[in-house]
Amino acid sequence: MKHPETPRLLARNVWRYREQRRMTARALAEFLDWPLVEIDKIENGDKFDLSLDELERLSLALHVDPADLLRRNSAH
């Protein structure tokens, strides 16, 4: 069972960290070798059931700890 805030937290944090790194969604998708639509779904809160491997790859691309992507009030 997922926590009801998970999609919103993941969406907000992925967007925030990506923007802080001045990275476009397309650049992030290309770096990860994922379709752009996957990044859009994550940032819109429509995709949140990432595998641990996907979460780790995403966090490495954004230079954050995986837990930061699910943390409330992330301040980086």
PDB file of N, CA and C in Angstrom:
ATOM      1  N   MET A   1       0.842  -1.181   0.000  1.00  0.00           N
ATOM      2  CA  MET A   1       0.000   0.000   0.000  1.00  0.00           C
ATOM      3  C   MET A   1       0.888   1.245   0.000  1.00  0.00           C
ATOM      4  N   LYS A   2       0.586   2.168  -0.850  1.00  0.00           N
ATOM      5  CA  LYS A   2       1.394   3.381  -0.956  1.00  0.00           C
ATOM      6  C   LYS A   2       0.857   4.471  -0.027  1.00  0.00           C
ATOM      7  N   HIS A   3       1.746   5.346   0.358  1.00  0.00           N
ATOM      8  CA  HIS A   3       1.352   6.510   1.150  1.00  0.00           C
ATOM      9  C   HIS A   3       0.675   7.492   0.205  1.00  0.00           C
ATOM     10  N   PRO A   4      -0.427   8.109   0.612  1.00  0.00           N
ATOM     11  CA  PRO A   4      -1.157   8.997  -0.303  1.00  0.00           C
ATOM     12  C   PRO A   4      -0.374  10.208  -0.799  1.00  0.00           C
ATOM     13  N   GLU A   5       0.665  10.612  -0.085  1.00  0.00           N
ATOM     14  CA  GLU A   5       1.448  11.780  -0.510  1.00  0.00           C
ATOM     15  C   GLU A   5       2.581  11.422  -1.474  1.00  0.00           C
ATOM     16  N   THR A   6       2.859  10.136  -1.655  1.00  0.00           N
ATOM     17  CA  THR A   6       4.015   9.720  -2.454  1.00  0.00           C
ATOM     18  C   THR A   6       4.037  10.332  -3.853  1.00  0.00           C
ATOM     19  N   PRO A   7       2.950  10.243  -4.625  1.00  0.00           N
ATOM     20  CA  PRO A   7       3.026  10.812  -5.985  1.00  0.00           C
ATOM     21  C   PRO A   7       3.353  12.302  -5.990  1.00  0.00           C
ATOM     22  N   ARG A   8       2.746  13.047  -5.082  1.00  0.00           N
ATOM     23  CA  ARG A   8       2.976  14.500  -5.023  1.00  0.00           C
ATOM     24  C   ARG A   8       4.402  14.818  -4.589  1.00  0.00           C
ATOM     25  N   LEU A   9       4.897  14.105  -3.576  1.00  0.00           N
ATOM     26  CA  LEU A   9       6.258  14.342  -3.099  1.00  0.00           C
ATOM     27  C   LEU A   9       7.282  14.016  -4.175  1.00  0.00           C
ATOM     28  N   LEU A  10       7.141  12.865  -4.794  1.00  0.00           N
ATOM     29  CA  LEU A  10       8.081  12.472  -5.845  1.00  0.00           C
ATOM     30  C   LEU A  10       8.039  13.472  -6.993  1.00  0.00           C
ATOM     31  N   ALA A  11       6.840  13.838  -7.430  1.00  0.00           N
ATOM     32  CA  ALA A  11       6.696  14.782  -8.538  1.00  0.00           C
ATOM     33  C   ALA A  11       7.366  16.114  -8.225  1.00  0.00           C
ATOM     34  N   ARG A  12       7.064  16.654  -7.060  1.00  0.00           N
ATOM     35  CA  ARG A  12       7.617  17.963  -6.679  1.00  0.00           C
ATOM     36  C   ARG A  12       9.131  17.914  -6.547  1.00  0.00           C
ATOM     37  N   ASN A  13       9.640  16.871  -5.912  1.00  0.00           N
ATOM     38  CA  ASN A  13      11.074  16.792  -5.675  1.00  0.00           C
ATOM     39  C   ASN A  13      11.867  16.526  -6.947  1.00  0.00           C
ATOM     40  N   VAL A  14      11.378  15.660  -7.808  1.00  0.00           N
ATOM     41  CA  VAL A  14      12.081  15.432  -9.084  1.00  0.00           C
ATOM     42  C   VAL A  14      12.128  16.734  -9.866  1.00  0.00           C
ATOM     43  N   TRP A  15      11.003  17.419  -9.962  1.00  0.00           N
ATOM     44  CA  TRP A  15      10.966  18.686 -10.698  1.00  0.00           C
ATOM     45  C   TRP A  15      11.928  19.699 -10.070  1.00  0.00           C
ATOM     46  N   ARG A  16      11.885  19.824  -8.739  1.00  0.00           N
ATOM     47  CA  ARG A  16      12.717  20.805  -8.038  1.00  0.00           C
ATOM     48  C   ARG A  16      14.210  20.537  -8.250  1.00  0.00           C
ATOM     49  N   TYR A  17      14.625  19.301  -8.049  1.00  0.00           N
ATOM     50  CA  TYR A  17      16.048  18.985  -8.211  1.00  0.00           C
ATOM     51  C   TYR A  17      16.489  19.129  -9.662  1.00  0.00           C
ATOM     52  N   ARG A  18      15.616  18.765 -10.583  1.00  0.00           N
ATOM     53  CA  ARG A  18      15.959  18.921 -12.000  1.00  0.00           C
ATOM     54  C   ARG A  18      16.128  20.406 -12.335  1.00  0.00           C
ATOM     55  N   GLU A  19      15.216  21.229 -11.875  1.00  0.00           N
ATOM     56  CA  GLU A  19      15.295  22.668 -12.120  1.00  0.00           C
ATOM     57  C   GLU A  19      16.533  23.281 -11.457  1.00  0.00           C
ATOM     58  N   GLN A  20      16.861  22.832 -10.243  1.00  0.00           N
ATOM     59  CA  GLN A  20      18.041  23.355  -9.553  1.00  0.00           C
ATOM     60  C   GLN A  20      19.312  23.072 -10.347  1.00  0.00           C
ATOM     61  N   ARG A  21      19.315  21.975 -11.053  1.00  0.00           N
ATOM     62  CA  ARG A  21      20.484  21.615 -11.860  1.00  0.00           C
ATOM     63  C   ARG A  21      20.407  22.174 -13.280  1.00  0.00           C
ATOM     64  N   ARG A  22      19.387  22.999 -13.510  1.00  0.00           N
ATOM     65  CA  ARG A  22      19.182  23.628 -14.827  1.00  0.00           C
ATOM     66  C   ARG A  22      19.175  22.584 -15.942  1.00  0.00           C
ATOM     67  N   MET A  23      18.467  21.504 -15.654  1.00  0.00           N
ATOM     68  CA  MET A  23      18.379  20.388 -16.582  1.00  0.00           C
ATOM     69  C   MET A  23      16.958  20.337 -17.141  1.00  0.00           C
ATOM     70  N   THR A  24      16.825  20.173 -18.424  1.00  0.00           N
ATOM     71  CA  THR A  24      15.496  20.029 -19.005  1.00  0.00           C
ATOM     72  C   THR A  24      14.999  18.608 -18.768  1.00  0.00           C
ATOM     73  N   ALA A  25      13.701  18.437 -18.880  1.00  0.00           N
ATOM     74  CA  ALA A  25      13.134  17.089 -18.766  1.00  0.00           C
ATOM     75  C   ALA A  25      13.689  16.206 -19.875  1.00  0.00           C
ATOM     76  N   ARG A  26      13.858  16.771 -21.051  1.00  0.00           N
ATOM     77  CA  ARG A  26      14.409  16.007 -22.178  1.00  0.00           C
ATOM     78  C   ARG A  26      15.847  15.559 -21.874  1.00  0.00           C
ATOM     79  N   ALA A  27      16.650  16.452 -21.307  1.00  0.00           N
ATOM     80  CA  ALA A  27      18.036  16.099 -20.970  1.00  0.00           C
ATOM     81  C   ALA A  27      18.072  14.990 -19.917  1.00  0.00           C
ATOM     82  N   LEU A  28      17.187  15.064 -18.935  1.00  0.00           N
ATOM     83  CA  LEU A  28      17.129  14.026 -17.914  1.00  0.00           C
ATOM     84  C   LEU A  28      16.715  12.698 -18.548  1.00  0.00           C
ATOM     85  N   ALA A  29      15.718  12.729 -19.394  1.00  0.00           N
ATOM     86  CA  ALA A  29      15.265  11.509 -20.073  1.00  0.00           C
ATOM     87  C   ALA A  29      16.388  10.908 -20.916  1.00  0.00           C
ATOM     88  N   GLU A  30      17.108  11.749 -21.637  1.00  0.00           N
ATOM     89  CA  GLU A  30      18.207  11.261 -22.475  1.00  0.00           C
ATOM     90  C   GLU A  30      19.324  10.679 -21.612  1.00  0.00           C
ATOM     91  N   PHE A  31      19.633  11.338 -20.501  1.00  0.00           N
ATOM     92  CA  PHE A  31      20.671  10.841 -19.600  1.00  0.00           C
ATOM     93  C   PHE A  31      20.314   9.449 -19.074  1.00  0.00           C
ATOM     94  N   LEU A  32      19.037   9.270 -18.734  1.00  0.00           N
ATOM     95  CA  LEU A  32      18.570   7.999 -18.184  1.00  0.00           C
ATOM     96  C   LEU A  32      18.234   6.970 -19.261  1.00  0.00           C
ATOM     97  N   ASP A  33      18.172   7.425 -20.505  1.00  0.00           N
ATOM     98  CA  ASP A  33      17.736   6.579 -21.618  1.00  0.00           C
ATOM     99  C   ASP A  33      16.304   6.095 -21.391  1.00  0.00           C
ATOM    100  N   TRP A  34      15.470   7.032 -20.927  1.00  0.00           N
ATOM    101  CA  TRP A  34      14.042   6.782 -20.710  1.00  0.00           C
ATOM    102  C   TRP A  34      13.275   7.655 -21.693  1.00  0.00           C
ATOM    103  N   PRO A  35      12.070   7.243 -22.064  1.00  0.00           N
ATOM    104  CA  PRO A  35      11.235   8.117 -22.894  1.00  0.00           C
ATOM    105  C   PRO A  35      10.886   9.400 -22.124  1.00  0.00           C
ATOM    106  N   LEU A  36      10.831  10.514 -22.820  1.00  0.00           N
ATOM    107  CA  LEU A  36      10.477  11.788 -22.194  1.00  0.00           C
ATOM    108  C   LEU A  36       9.135  11.690 -21.471  1.00  0.00           C
ATOM    109  N   VAL A  37       8.219  10.937 -22.031  1.00  0.00           N
ATOM    110  CA  VAL A  37       6.889  10.802 -21.415  1.00  0.00           C
ATOM    111  C   VAL A  37       6.985  10.220 -20.004  1.00  0.00           C
ATOM    112  N   GLU A  38       7.988   9.397 -19.721  1.00  0.00           N
ATOM    113  CA  GLU A  38       8.152   8.849 -18.373  1.00  0.00           C
ATOM    114  C   GLU A  38       8.517   9.948 -17.371  1.00  0.00           C
ATOM    115  N   ILE A  39       9.398  10.842 -17.776  1.00  0.00           N
ATOM    116  CA  ILE A  39       9.765  11.965 -16.898  1.00  0.00           C
ATOM    117  C   ILE A  39       8.541  12.850 -16.681  1.00  0.00           C
ATOM    118  N   ASP A  40       7.803  13.115 -17.754  1.00  0.00           N
ATOM    119  CA  ASP A  40       6.583  13.922 -17.632  1.00  0.00           C
ATOM    120  C   ASP A  40       5.591  13.281 -16.670  1.00  0.00           C
ATOM    121  N   LYS A  41       5.415  11.975 -16.769  1.00  0.00           N
ATOM    122  CA  LYS A  41       4.483  11.273 -15.879  1.00  0.00           C
ATOM    123  C   LYS A  41       4.936  11.368 -14.427  1.00  0.00           C
ATOM    124  N   ILE A  42       6.223  11.215 -14.190  1.00  0.00           N
ATOM    125  CA  ILE A  42       6.749  11.311 -12.820  1.00  0.00           C
ATOM    126  C   ILE A  42       6.507  12.707 -12.275  1.00  0.00           C
ATOM    127  N   GLU A  43       6.833  13.734 -13.063  1.00  0.00           N
ATOM    128  CA  GLU A  43       6.708  15.118 -12.594  1.00  0.00           C
ATOM    129  C   GLU A  43       5.253  15.568 -12.481  1.00  0.00           C
ATOM    130  N   ASN A  44       4.349  14.887 -13.162  1.00  0.00           N
ATOM    131  CA  ASN A  44       2.919  15.205 -13.053  1.00  0.00           C
ATOM    132  C   ASN A  44       2.227  14.386 -11.969  1.00  0.00           C
ATOM    133  N   GLY A  45       2.968  13.473 -11.330  1.00  0.00           N
ATOM    134  CA  GLY A  45       2.384  12.641 -10.294  1.00  0.00           C
ATOM    135  C   GLY A  45       1.604  11.455 -10.822  1.00  0.00           C
ATOM    136  N   ASP A  46       1.739  11.188 -12.123  1.00  0.00           N
ATOM    137  CA  ASP A  46       1.009  10.076 -12.730  1.00  0.00           C
ATOM    138  C   ASP A  46       1.782   8.765 -12.671  1.00  0.00           C
ATOM    139  N   LYS A  47       3.076   8.828 -12.404  1.00  0.00           N
ATOM    140  CA  LYS A  47       3.894   7.619 -12.266  1.00  0.00           C
ATOM    141  C   LYS A  47       4.703   7.765 -10.992  1.00  0.00           C
ATOM    142  N   PHE A  48       4.502   6.838 -10.098  1.00  0.00           N
ATOM    143  CA  PHE A  48       5.202   6.897  -8.821  1.00  0.00           C
ATOM    144  C   PHE A  48       5.627   5.515  -8.348  1.00  0.00           C
ATOM    145  N   ASP A  49       5.279   4.490  -9.106  1.00  0.00           N
ATOM    146  CA  ASP A  49       5.604   3.119  -8.720  1.00  0.00           C
ATOM    147  C   ASP A  49       6.939   2.691  -9.327  1.00  0.00           C
ATOM    148  N   LEU A  50       7.962   3.486  -9.057  1.00  0.00           N
ATOM    149  CA  LEU A  50       9.290   3.194  -9.586  1.00  0.00           C
ATOM    150  C   LEU A  50       9.907   2.017  -8.847  1.00  0.00           C
ATOM    151  N   SER A  51      10.677   1.238  -9.563  1.00  0.00           N
ATOM    152  CA  SER A  51      11.442   0.171  -8.903  1.00  0.00           C
ATOM    153  C   SER A  51      12.580   0.837  -8.116  1.00  0.00           C
ATOM    154  N   LEU A  52      13.189   0.071  -7.235  1.00  0.00           N
ATOM    155  CA  LEU A  52      14.332   0.617  -6.496  1.00  0.00           C
ATOM    156  C   LEU A  52      15.460   0.999  -7.441  1.00  0.00           C
ATOM    157  N   ASP A  53      15.664   0.202  -8.477  1.00  0.00           N
ATOM    158  CA  ASP A  53      16.694   0.511  -9.469  1.00  0.00           C
ATOM    159  C   ASP A  53      16.391   1.826 -10.185  1.00  0.00           C
ATOM    160  N   GLU A  54      15.137   2.026 -10.575  1.00  0.00           N
ATOM    161  CA  GLU A  54      14.750   3.272 -11.253  1.00  0.00           C
ATOM    162  C   GLU A  54      14.911   4.471 -10.320  1.00  0.00           C
ATOM    163  N   LEU A  55      14.511   4.311  -9.071  1.00  0.00           N
ATOM    164  CA  LEU A  55      14.648   5.399  -8.099  1.00  0.00           C
ATOM    165  C   LEU A  55      16.117   5.743  -7.887  1.00  0.00           C
ATOM    166  N   GLU A  56      16.956   4.722  -7.811  1.00  0.00           N
ATOM    167  CA  GLU A  56      18.395   4.953  -7.637  1.00  0.00           C
ATOM    168  C   GLU A  56      18.989   5.645  -8.858  1.00  0.00           C
ATOM    169  N   ARG A  57      18.641   5.199 -10.045  1.00  0.00           N
ATOM    170  CA  ARG A  57      19.157   5.828 -11.267  1.00  0.00           C
ATOM    171  C   ARG A  57      18.717   7.288 -11.358  1.00  0.00           C
ATOM    172  N   LEU A  58      17.459   7.543 -11.026  1.00  0.00           N
ATOM    173  CA  LEU A  58      16.934   8.906 -11.055  1.00  0.00           C
ATOM    174  C   LEU A  58      17.674   9.785 -10.054  1.00  0.00           C
ATOM    175  N   SER A  59      17.905   9.276  -8.858  1.00  0.00           N
ATOM    176  CA  SER A  59      18.605  10.071  -7.847  1.00  0.00           C
ATOM    177  C   SER A  59      20.054  10.330  -8.243  1.00  0.00           C
ATOM    178  N   LEU A  60      20.699   9.343  -8.847  1.00  0.00           N
ATOM    179  CA  LEU A  60      22.077   9.558  -9.317  1.00  0.00           C
ATOM    180  C   LEU A  60      22.126  10.628 -10.405  1.00  0.00           C
ATOM    181  N   ALA A  61      21.171  10.605 -11.298  1.00  0.00           N
ATOM    182  CA  ALA A  61      21.115  11.603 -12.376  1.00  0.00           C
ATOM    183  C   ALA A  61      20.917  13.010 -11.815  1.00  0.00           C
ATOM    184  N   LEU A  62      20.195  13.098 -10.704  1.00  0.00           N
ATOM    185  CA  LEU A  62      19.915  14.404 -10.095  1.00  0.00           C
ATOM    186  C   LEU A  62      20.893  14.757  -8.977  1.00  0.00           C
ATOM    187  N   HIS A  63      21.849  13.867  -8.707  1.00  0.00           N
ATOM    188  CA  HIS A  63      22.878  14.093  -7.687  1.00  0.00           C
ATOM    189  C   HIS A  63      22.292  14.295  -6.297  1.00  0.00           C
ATOM    190  N   VAL A  64      21.325  13.441  -5.948  1.00  0.00           N
ATOM    191  CA  VAL A  64      20.724  13.466  -4.615  1.00  0.00           C
ATOM    192  C   VAL A  64      20.629  12.043  -4.091  1.00  0.00           C
ATOM    193  N   ASP A  65      20.395  11.920  -2.813  1.00  0.00           N
ATOM    194  CA  ASP A  65      20.155  10.627  -2.203  1.00  0.00           C
ATOM    195  C   ASP A  65      18.752  10.153  -2.610  1.00  0.00           C
ATOM    196  N   PRO A  66      18.549   8.865  -2.838  1.00  0.00           N
ATOM    197  CA  PRO A  66      17.210   8.394  -3.207  1.00  0.00           C
ATOM    198  C   PRO A  66      16.123   8.831  -2.221  1.00  0.00           C
ATOM    199  N   ALA A  67      16.439   8.851  -0.942  1.00  0.00           N
ATOM    200  CA  ALA A  67      15.453   9.257   0.064  1.00  0.00           C
ATOM    201  C   ALA A  67      15.011  10.707  -0.130  1.00  0.00           C
ATOM    202  N   ASP A  68      15.895  11.545  -0.673  1.00  0.00           N
ATOM    203  CA  ASP A  68      15.547  12.952  -0.902  1.00  0.00           C
ATOM    204  C   ASP A  68      14.390  13.093  -1.881  1.00  0.00           C
ATOM    205  N   LEU A  69      14.240  12.136  -2.783  1.00  0.00           N
ATOM    206  CA  LEU A  69      13.162  12.223  -3.764  1.00  0.00           C
ATOM    207  C   LEU A  69      11.791  11.972  -3.141  1.00  0.00           C
ATOM    208  N   LEU A  70      11.775  11.385  -1.955  1.00  0.00           N
ATOM    209  CA  LEU A  70      10.507  11.072  -1.274  1.00  0.00           C
ATOM    210  C   LEU A  70      10.329  11.848   0.012  1.00  0.00           C
ATOM    211  N   ARG A  71      11.241  12.762   0.279  1.00  0.00           N
ATOM    212  CA  ARG A  71      11.238  13.512   1.542  1.00  0.00           C
ATOM    213  C   ARG A  71      10.384  14.764   1.438  1.00  0.00           C
ATOM    214  N   ARG A  72       9.678  15.043   2.519  1.00  0.00           N
ATOM    215  CA  ARG A  72       8.922  16.299   2.619  1.00  0.00           C
ATOM    216  C   ARG A  72       9.896  17.442   2.893  1.00  0.00           C
ATOM    217  N   ASN A  73       9.543  18.598   2.404  1.00  0.00           N
ATOM    218  CA  ASN A  73      10.324  19.810   2.668  1.00  0.00           C
ATOM    219  C   ASN A  73      11.802  19.636   2.353  1.00  0.00           C
ATOM    220  N   SER A  74      12.090  19.047   1.215  1.00  0.00           N
ATOM    221  CA  SER A  74      13.475  18.921   0.780  1.00  0.00           C
ATOM    222  C   SER A  74      14.043  20.309   0.589  1.00  0.00           C
ATOM    223  N   ALA A  75      15.192  20.532   1.151  1.00  0.00           N
ATOM    224  CA  ALA A  75      15.803  21.863   1.062  1.00  0.00           C
ATOM    225  C   ALA A  75      17.240  21.732   0.582  1.00  0.00           C
ATOM    226  N   HIS A  76      17.419  21.613  -0.732  1.00  0.00           N
ATOM    227  CA  HIS A  76      18.766  21.545  -1.312  1.00  0.00           C
ATOM    228  C   HIS A  76      18.923  22.644  -2.304  1.00  0.00           C
TER     229      HIS A  76
END
